[in-house]
Structure formats: structure tokens, C-alpha cells
Amino acid sequence: MQIIVVSNSPSKRVEYFVEAGKGLQTEVRFMTYEELFNCLSSLRQAVVKLEPWVSCETDFLKYALLNEEYKAVLQRLDKITLPDDVHFFNPPHALLQALDKKETKQILSANDLSVTPMLAVPHSFDELLQTLSDFGRGCFLKPRYGSGAGGIMAIRYQPCQKKWVVYTTLQEVDGIIHNTKRIHRLTKEKDILPLAEAVMYTGAILEEWIPKEQLQGENYDLRVVCGEAEVDYVVVRCSKGSITNLHLNNNARLWSELSLPEDVRQRIYLLCRKTVRTLDLQYAGVDVLIERGTDTPYIIEANGQGDHIYQDMYTHNSIYTRQIRTIKKKYDHADR
């Protein structure tokens, strides 16, 4: 039985997945998506792990087009009938569901799993303005597709004073909207309008802003890396602001540092494992916030390729090691 990891180009996540295989004396082969399409019908006794599109593109609209290309690749893979002894680690249709934040929330809500609530999707800046005025509280405007905080806008608007405060990774430079690796604070409508319109143009969702619980004065949420039956890793993502993604120079803290009651921890574990199963994934990174003052956990989103945790990868590489062990245990005997 062979293990194959696939992306459009090599990356750190591919490198460390291959390294985890070496540590278990298990060969892991890298392929591009093009190579996979060329050999998929002739593959035998294989498990294929699909990794996300690798890109250094900062132009937000061009990056959105790359997301569309990647979705098309997954859709094409989903239509292929695999040989009986070839399996996807996470199937393409499940990855597609998880890429779509709107569909993810609808599926989870229909299965009685608590998610951060969505509001009606605005299709213009005037509609966004009206929704914010009617709602009266802060909201998150997010691209419907994609991950890594790209294009997220945390928005507060006071209609009586016509005051805005927006936090976002987006920045307009010389007429081009760039996705950056830092948070920008905007207060002028003329600066906010083109950014919000770009996000809505690519497809967006609008979420209620639920105050996050805090650790030592910083807001935090969780990335819970888990399978269908067990939780492998929890990283606490802390920030002075509302956007906590770690690649934005925010702080990673240990799960053990939180003074959460054990029953709350178990509720989070159960919620995340059910999320993985409900989305027909085998493995995922599930983002969870705990509402400040209530200990109520909410699913923010699920990422079918959200197992890339630097804090683990550069130390024990335990996540990828467990994945390979899981693959060998589940599929080795079935293909003999």
C-alpha cells in the first residue's frame, strides 16, 4: 500500500508529511495534481492525501480566481470513479463542502451543531450598510471560500454617528487590493467601501460578532485538529484584536493554559468530532470560539486541510505521524 501526497507544488506541509513517513519507515510519494490525473486510473493500493493550492499571490481578486481553479480541480476529482483499492484520505466532495463556509454552516446547523450565526448575505455596500444599521452590533464579512484570514473584515458601525471601525488583512495600494500578513485598522468609509465590495464580489458570508473568551487580556479561539473519533491537537490562538490567525503574528498558547472546566473541554471535543463526521471528512482542523462569559462553544469553520500546525510540525510532528499511522492501520490490511 502506497501513500501519496498531492499539491500543485512542494510546500512545508508536504515536506513534513513526507518526513513523518520516514520516521515510521513508510515511503510517502509527492505528486502534482496534473501527475495524479495522469495516473489515477492505473493506481493500485494507494491512499491519496490532497493538499491545498500553494500560492504567493497577494492580489486578492487574483487569489480568488486561484481558489476557483482549485475548486474545479476538486470537482473534477470527485467525478472520477476510483479503483476499489485506491482511497482519498479526505474525499474531494468533503473538501469542497468545507471550503464553502456557507454550506458548511448550513450542514452543521441542520445537524444541531452550534455555529457562529450568519446574517443575510449583502450583495452591495448599500445592503451591507443597511444590515449593519439594522443589526446594531459588530459583524464579520468573510469570503465564502478560502482560509487563513484572507479577506476577512471585522466591522463595527454606529449608524447614528456614521462611525466605522474595520479590522482587515486587506489593503488597497495603487488601485489593487492586496491580502497582507498584518491587520489594518480603517475608519473612513471611502477606504472601507472598495475592500468590502471586493469581498462581496468574490462571494461572501456575513456573521454575527460573538465576543471571544480571553486569556491574560487577549481574545482567543481554538484550532482543534481531530479525526472522526479522537482529538489530536488543540492550539489556542490569542490576539489583542478580533482576528486570531497565527500567521498574522498572533500568539499561540497551550491548551493546558486555559482554566476551562473539564465538561467544557469534553463538549468541545465532542462538537469537533461530530463536525468531522457530519462533513464526511476523515480529518480536519476545526476553528472554535468560546463565548465570553458563557463557556458556550461555537464552530467558526472547518478546514479539511487544516492540520498544518507549526507549533507541532517543528517540534514533534505528531499530527502527520498519527495520520500516517491511521492510514496504515485502516487501509494496509484491506489491500492485501
Protein backbone atom coordinates (compact mmCIF):
# COMPACT_ATOMS: atom_id res chain seq x y z
CA MET A 1 0.00 0.00 0.00
CA GLN A 2 1.46 3.35 -1.05
CA ILE A 3 0.78 6.80 0.41
CA ILE A 4 0.70 9.76 -1.95
CA VAL A 5 0.53 13.44 -1.01
CA VAL A 6 -0.65 15.84 -3.70
CA SER A 7 -0.40 19.58 -4.27
CA ASN A 8 0.31 21.92 -7.17
CA SER A 9 3.88 22.36 -5.86
CA PRO A 10 6.03 21.25 -2.90
CA SER A 11 5.49 23.03 0.40
CA LYS A 12 6.40 22.82 4.09
CA ARG A 13 3.29 20.78 4.81
CA VAL A 14 4.25 18.29 2.09
CA GLU A 15 7.86 18.20 3.32
CA TYR A 16 6.89 17.41 6.91
CA PHE A 17 4.27 14.85 5.92
CA VAL A 18 6.97 13.03 3.93
CA GLU A 19 9.32 13.35 6.94
CA ALA A 20 6.68 11.80 9.21
CA GLY A 21 6.58 8.85 6.83
CA LYS A 22 10.36 8.44 7.02
CA GLY A 23 10.13 8.40 10.81
CA LEU A 24 7.76 5.43 10.51
CA GLN A 25 9.85 3.78 7.77
CA THR A 26 6.99 4.41 5.36
CA GLU A 27 7.56 5.90 1.93
CA VAL A 28 5.36 8.86 1.03
CA ARG A 29 5.39 9.98 -2.60
CA PHE A 30 4.71 13.55 -3.74
CA MET A 31 2.71 14.23 -6.90
CA THR A 32 1.33 17.33 -8.53
CA TYR A 33 -2.38 17.37 -9.31
CA GLU A 34 -1.55 17.04 -13.01
CA GLU A 35 0.51 13.93 -12.34
CA LEU A 36 -2.30 12.49 -10.23
CA PHE A 37 -4.84 12.93 -13.01
CA ASN A 38 -2.49 11.21 -15.44
CA CYS A 39 -2.01 8.12 -13.28
CA LEU A 40 -5.17 7.88 -11.16
CA SER A 41 -6.91 5.26 -13.32
CA SER A 42 -3.85 2.98 -13.15
CA LEU A 43 -3.08 3.44 -9.44
CA ARG A 44 -3.36 0.39 -7.20
CA GLN A 45 -3.24 0.00 -3.43
CA ALA A 46 -2.89 3.69 -2.64
CA VAL A 47 -4.14 6.31 -0.20
CA VAL A 48 -4.07 9.85 -1.57
CA LYS A 49 -3.89 12.93 0.65
CA LEU A 50 -4.99 16.09 -1.16
CA GLU A 51 -3.25 19.28 -0.03
CA PRO A 52 -4.36 22.84 -0.82
CA TRP A 53 -3.20 25.00 -3.69
CA VAL A 54 0.13 26.70 -2.91
CA SER A 55 0.34 30.34 -3.98
CA CYS A 56 2.28 33.50 -3.14
CA GLU A 57 -0.36 35.68 -4.86
CA THR A 58 -1.25 38.76 -2.80
CA ASP A 59 -3.71 40.37 -5.25
CA PHE A 60 -7.00 39.49 -3.55
CA LEU A 61 -9.05 39.16 -6.75
CA LYS A 62 -6.40 37.06 -8.48
CA TYR A 63 -6.18 34.86 -5.40
CA ALA A 64 -9.95 34.37 -5.56
CA LEU A 65 -9.53 33.11 -9.12
CA LEU A 66 -6.94 30.60 -7.92
CA ASN A 67 -9.50 29.37 -5.36
CA GLU A 68 -11.92 28.84 -8.25
CA GLU A 69 -9.25 26.84 -10.11
CA TYR A 70 -8.68 24.66 -7.07
CA LYS A 71 -12.41 24.07 -6.63
CA ALA A 72 -12.58 22.99 -10.29
CA VAL A 73 -9.76 20.50 -9.67
CA LEU A 74 -11.61 19.00 -6.68
CA GLN A 75 -14.86 18.86 -8.67
CA ARG A 76 -13.05 17.04 -11.45
CA LEU A 77 -11.55 14.55 -8.99
CA ASP A 78 -14.95 13.99 -7.40
CA LYS A 79 -16.34 12.75 -10.71
CA ILE A 80 -13.68 10.07 -11.11
CA THR A 81 -14.53 6.52 -10.05
CA LEU A 82 -11.56 5.16 -8.13
CA PRO A 83 -10.31 1.59 -8.25
CA ASP A 84 -11.53 -0.36 -5.20
CA ASP A 85 -8.09 -0.32 -3.58
CA VAL A 86 -7.46 3.43 -4.00
CA HIS A 87 -8.78 5.83 -1.37
CA PHE A 88 -8.71 9.55 -0.65
CA PHE A 89 -7.67 10.48 2.90
CA ASN A 90 -10.33 13.21 2.73
CA PRO A 91 -12.65 12.82 -0.27
CA PRO A 92 -12.90 15.70 -2.76
CA HIS A 93 -16.62 16.29 -2.16
CA ALA A 94 -15.99 16.71 1.58
CA LEU A 95 -13.10 19.11 0.96
CA LEU A 96 -15.39 21.12 -1.32
CA GLN A 97 -18.05 21.32 1.40
CA ALA A 98 -15.52 22.52 3.94
CA LEU A 99 -14.14 25.14 1.53
CA ASP A 100 -17.62 26.66 1.32
CA LYS A 101 -18.24 28.44 4.62
CA LYS A 102 -21.92 28.96 3.87
CA GLU A 103 -22.59 25.33 3.00
CA THR A 104 -20.54 24.16 5.99
CA LYS A 105 -22.65 26.20 8.40
CA GLN A 106 -25.91 25.11 6.80
CA ILE A 107 -24.96 21.43 7.04
CA LEU A 108 -23.76 21.70 10.64
CA SER A 109 -26.80 23.73 11.72
CA ALA A 110 -29.14 21.19 10.11
CA ASN A 111 -27.45 18.55 12.29
CA ASP A 112 -27.92 20.57 15.51
CA LEU A 113 -24.29 21.62 15.82
CA SER A 114 -23.77 25.16 17.09
CA VAL A 115 -22.09 27.51 14.63
CA THR A 116 -21.42 31.24 14.66
CA PRO A 117 -24.73 32.65 13.34
CA MET A 118 -24.97 34.00 9.81
CA LEU A 119 -26.92 37.07 8.70
CA ALA A 120 -28.43 37.70 5.27
CA VAL A 121 -25.67 37.94 2.67
CA PRO A 122 -25.26 41.51 1.34
CA HIS A 123 -24.59 41.94 -2.38
CA SER A 124 -23.69 45.62 -2.36
CA PHE A 125 -22.19 48.16 0.01
CA ASP A 126 -25.62 49.77 0.47
CA GLU A 127 -27.06 46.40 1.52
CA LEU A 128 -24.16 45.88 3.92
CA LEU A 129 -24.72 49.34 5.40
CA GLN A 130 -28.42 48.63 5.87
CA THR A 131 -27.79 45.26 7.52
CA LEU A 132 -25.23 46.72 9.90
CA SER A 133 -27.59 49.56 10.79
CA ASP A 134 -30.50 47.18 11.42
CA PHE A 135 -28.44 44.62 13.32
CA GLY A 136 -26.80 47.17 15.60
CA ARG A 137 -23.77 45.06 16.54
CA GLY A 138 -20.43 44.14 15.04
CA CYS A 139 -20.21 41.64 12.20
CA PHE A 140 -17.62 39.71 10.23
CA LEU A 141 -17.70 39.94 6.44
CA LYS A 142 -15.80 36.96 5.06
CA PRO A 143 -15.07 35.44 1.67
CA ARG A 144 -17.33 32.44 1.24
CA TYR A 145 -14.35 30.39 0.04
CA GLY A 146 -10.75 30.29 1.23
CA SER A 147 -8.99 30.26 4.57
CA GLY A 148 -6.17 31.83 6.55
CA ALA A 149 -8.00 35.10 7.37
CA GLY A 150 -7.60 36.23 3.75
CA GLY A 151 -10.18 38.93 3.07
CA ILE A 152 -11.88 38.83 6.48
CA MET A 153 -13.29 42.18 7.63
CA ALA A 154 -14.26 42.65 11.27
CA ILE A 155 -16.73 45.55 11.12
CA ARG A 156 -18.30 47.82 13.71
CA TYR A 157 -20.64 50.58 12.53
CA GLN A 158 -22.55 53.18 14.55
CA PRO A 159 -25.33 54.46 12.26
CA CYS A 160 -26.27 57.48 14.39
CA GLN A 161 -22.72 58.88 14.31
CA LYS A 162 -21.89 57.19 10.98
CA LYS A 163 -18.70 55.91 12.56
CA TRP A 164 -16.80 52.92 11.20
CA VAL A 165 -14.08 50.74 12.67
CA VAL A 166 -12.86 47.90 10.47
CA TYR A 167 -10.03 45.44 11.03
CA THR A 168 -8.85 43.51 8.00
CA THR A 169 -5.85 41.98 6.26
CA LEU A 170 -6.86 43.77 3.04
CA GLN A 171 -5.12 46.91 1.85
CA GLU A 172 -5.61 48.91 -1.35
CA VAL A 173 -2.39 50.08 -3.00
CA ASP A 174 -2.41 51.87 -6.38
CA GLY A 175 -5.91 50.58 -7.12
CA ILE A 176 -5.05 46.95 -6.37
CA ILE A 177 -6.46 45.22 -3.29
CA HIS A 178 -3.80 43.13 -1.58
CA ASN A 179 -4.15 40.46 1.06
CA THR A 180 -1.39 41.17 3.59
CA LYS A 181 0.01 39.39 6.62
CA ARG A 182 -0.91 42.13 9.05
CA ILE A 183 -4.10 43.70 10.38
CA HIS A 184 -5.08 47.18 9.20
CA ARG A 185 -7.47 49.44 11.12
CA LEU A 186 -9.75 51.55 8.92
CA THR A 187 -12.21 54.25 9.97
CA LYS A 188 -13.05 56.06 6.71
CA GLU A 189 -15.93 54.83 4.56
CA LYS A 190 -14.08 55.70 1.35
CA ASP A 191 -11.28 53.30 2.36
CA ILE A 192 -13.64 50.55 3.52
CA LEU A 193 -16.03 50.57 0.55
CA PRO A 194 -13.73 49.13 -2.19
CA LEU A 195 -12.48 46.40 0.12
CA ALA A 196 -15.97 45.30 1.18
CA GLU A 197 -17.15 45.37 -2.44
CA ALA A 198 -14.22 43.16 -3.48
CA VAL A 199 -15.09 40.58 -0.81
CA MET A 200 -18.76 40.59 -1.83
CA TYR A 201 -17.80 40.33 -5.50
CA THR A 202 -15.95 37.07 -4.87
CA GLY A 203 -18.86 35.67 -2.82
CA ALA A 204 -19.24 36.39 0.87
CA ILE A 205 -20.94 35.49 4.11
CA LEU A 206 -21.85 37.82 6.98
CA GLU A 207 -21.57 36.55 10.55
CA GLU A 208 -22.54 37.89 13.94
CA TRP A 209 -19.61 39.07 16.05
CA ILE A 210 -19.63 36.93 19.20
CA PRO A 211 -17.20 38.18 21.90
CA LYS A 212 -14.43 35.63 22.42
CA GLU A 213 -13.24 34.42 25.77
CA GLN A 214 -9.94 35.88 26.95
CA LEU A 215 -6.63 34.61 28.30
CA GLN A 216 -4.47 37.14 30.14
CA GLY A 217 -6.11 40.08 28.41
CA GLU A 218 -6.06 38.62 24.89
CA ASN A 219 -9.00 37.29 22.89
CA TYR A 220 -8.64 33.67 21.87
CA ASP A 221 -10.17 30.94 19.81
CA LEU A 222 -9.10 27.35 19.12
CA ARG A 223 -7.84 25.32 16.19
CA VAL A 224 -8.80 21.76 17.04
CA VAL A 225 -7.12 19.16 14.83
CA CYS A 226 -9.07 15.95 15.00
CA GLY A 227 -10.37 12.85 13.30
CA GLU A 228 -13.72 11.16 13.49
CA ALA A 229 -13.00 9.50 16.83
CA GLU A 230 -10.26 11.44 18.61
CA VAL A 231 -8.70 14.87 19.03
CA ASP A 232 -5.00 15.03 18.15
CA TYR A 233 -4.04 18.62 18.90
CA VAL A 234 -5.51 21.89 20.18
CA VAL A 235 -3.74 25.20 19.68
CA VAL A 236 -5.01 28.34 21.45
CA ARG A 237 -4.79 31.34 19.10
CA CYS A 238 -4.52 34.62 21.03
CA SER A 239 -4.71 38.20 19.83
CA LYS A 240 -5.29 41.69 21.21
CA GLY A 241 -7.76 42.11 18.34
CA SER A 242 -10.60 40.02 16.94
CA ILE A 243 -8.70 38.13 14.19
CA THR A 244 -6.55 35.42 15.73
CA ASN A 245 -4.92 33.54 12.83
CA LEU A 246 -1.37 32.69 13.82
CA HIS A 247 0.36 33.67 10.58
CA LEU A 248 -0.61 37.29 11.42
CA ASN A 249 1.97 37.36 14.22
CA ASN A 250 -0.59 36.41 16.86
CA ASN A 251 0.28 34.27 19.87
CA ALA A 252 -0.03 30.51 20.15
CA ARG A 253 -0.70 29.26 23.67
CA LEU A 254 -1.12 25.81 25.15
CA TRP A 255 -4.50 24.13 25.65
CA SER A 256 -3.41 23.31 29.19
CA GLU A 257 -3.06 27.04 29.99
CA LEU A 258 -6.82 27.59 29.80
CA SER A 259 -8.76 27.33 33.05
CA LEU A 260 -11.72 25.65 31.36
CA PRO A 261 -13.92 23.19 33.25
CA GLU A 262 -13.46 19.61 32.10
CA ASP A 263 -17.07 19.37 30.93
CA VAL A 264 -16.49 22.35 28.58
CA ARG A 265 -13.37 20.68 27.15
CA GLN A 266 -15.34 17.49 26.55
CA ARG A 267 -18.15 19.45 24.86
CA ILE A 268 -15.57 20.99 22.52
CA TYR A 269 -14.05 17.58 21.73
CA LEU A 270 -17.47 16.12 21.00
CA LEU A 271 -18.52 19.11 18.89
CA CYS A 272 -15.37 18.90 16.76
CA ARG A 273 -15.52 15.14 16.22
CA LYS A 274 -19.18 15.40 15.23
CA THR A 275 -18.26 18.21 12.82
CA VAL A 276 -15.69 15.99 11.09
CA ARG A 277 -18.17 13.13 10.74
CA THR A 278 -21.06 15.35 9.65
CA LEU A 279 -18.98 16.87 6.84
CA ASP A 280 -17.91 13.39 5.68
CA LEU A 281 -14.28 14.18 6.43
CA GLN A 282 -11.82 11.79 7.99
CA TYR A 283 -9.64 14.55 9.42
CA ALA A 284 -9.94 18.33 9.81
CA GLY A 285 -8.89 21.46 11.60
CA VAL A 286 -11.98 22.88 13.31
CA ASP A 287 -11.99 26.50 14.47
CA VAL A 288 -13.94 27.04 17.69
CA LEU A 289 -14.70 30.15 19.72
CA ILE A 290 -15.89 30.13 23.30
CA GLU A 291 -18.35 32.91 24.02
CA ARG A 292 -17.10 35.27 26.69
CA GLY A 293 -18.88 34.81 30.00
CA THR A 294 -20.95 31.78 28.99
CA ASP A 295 -18.46 28.94 28.22
CA THR A 296 -20.57 28.22 25.11
CA PRO A 297 -18.52 26.84 22.19
CA TYR A 298 -19.36 27.70 18.57
CA ILE A 299 -17.89 26.30 15.37
CA ILE A 300 -16.46 29.14 13.29
CA GLU A 301 -15.47 26.95 10.35
CA ALA A 302 -13.97 23.59 9.46
CA ASN A 303 -10.94 23.17 7.24
CA GLY A 304 -10.47 19.78 5.59
CA GLN A 305 -6.81 20.66 5.16
CA GLY A 306 -6.42 22.47 8.49
CA ASP A 307 -3.84 20.12 10.02
CA HIS A 308 -0.85 22.39 9.38
CA ILE A 309 0.24 23.50 12.87
CA TYR A 310 3.76 24.95 13.04
CA GLN A 311 4.00 24.54 16.81
CA ASP A 312 3.64 20.78 16.38
CA MET A 313 5.33 20.39 13.00
CA TYR A 314 8.61 21.96 14.12
CA THR A 315 8.76 20.02 17.39
CA HIS A 316 7.24 16.52 17.44
CA ASN A 317 5.49 16.39 14.05
CA SER A 318 2.91 14.31 15.89
CA ILE A 319 -0.11 15.27 13.78
CA TYR A 320 1.30 13.97 10.50
CA THR A 321 2.83 10.96 12.24
CA ARG A 322 -0.59 9.98 13.65
CA GLN A 323 -2.19 10.48 10.24
CA ILE A 324 0.21 8.05 8.61
CA ARG A 325 -0.33 5.54 11.42
CA THR A 326 -4.09 5.92 10.90
CA ILE A 327 -3.74 5.34 7.17
CA LYS A 328 -1.61 2.23 7.68
CA LYS A 329 -3.97 0.82 10.31
CA LYS A 330 -7.12 1.49 8.29
CA TYR A 331 -6.02 0.53 4.82
CA ASP A 332 -2.96 -1.75 4.94
CA HIS A 333 -4.85 -4.92 5.76
CA ALA A 334 -7.70 -4.11 3.33
CA ASP A 335 -5.38 -4.09 0.32
CA ARG A 336 -3.66 -7.41 0.82
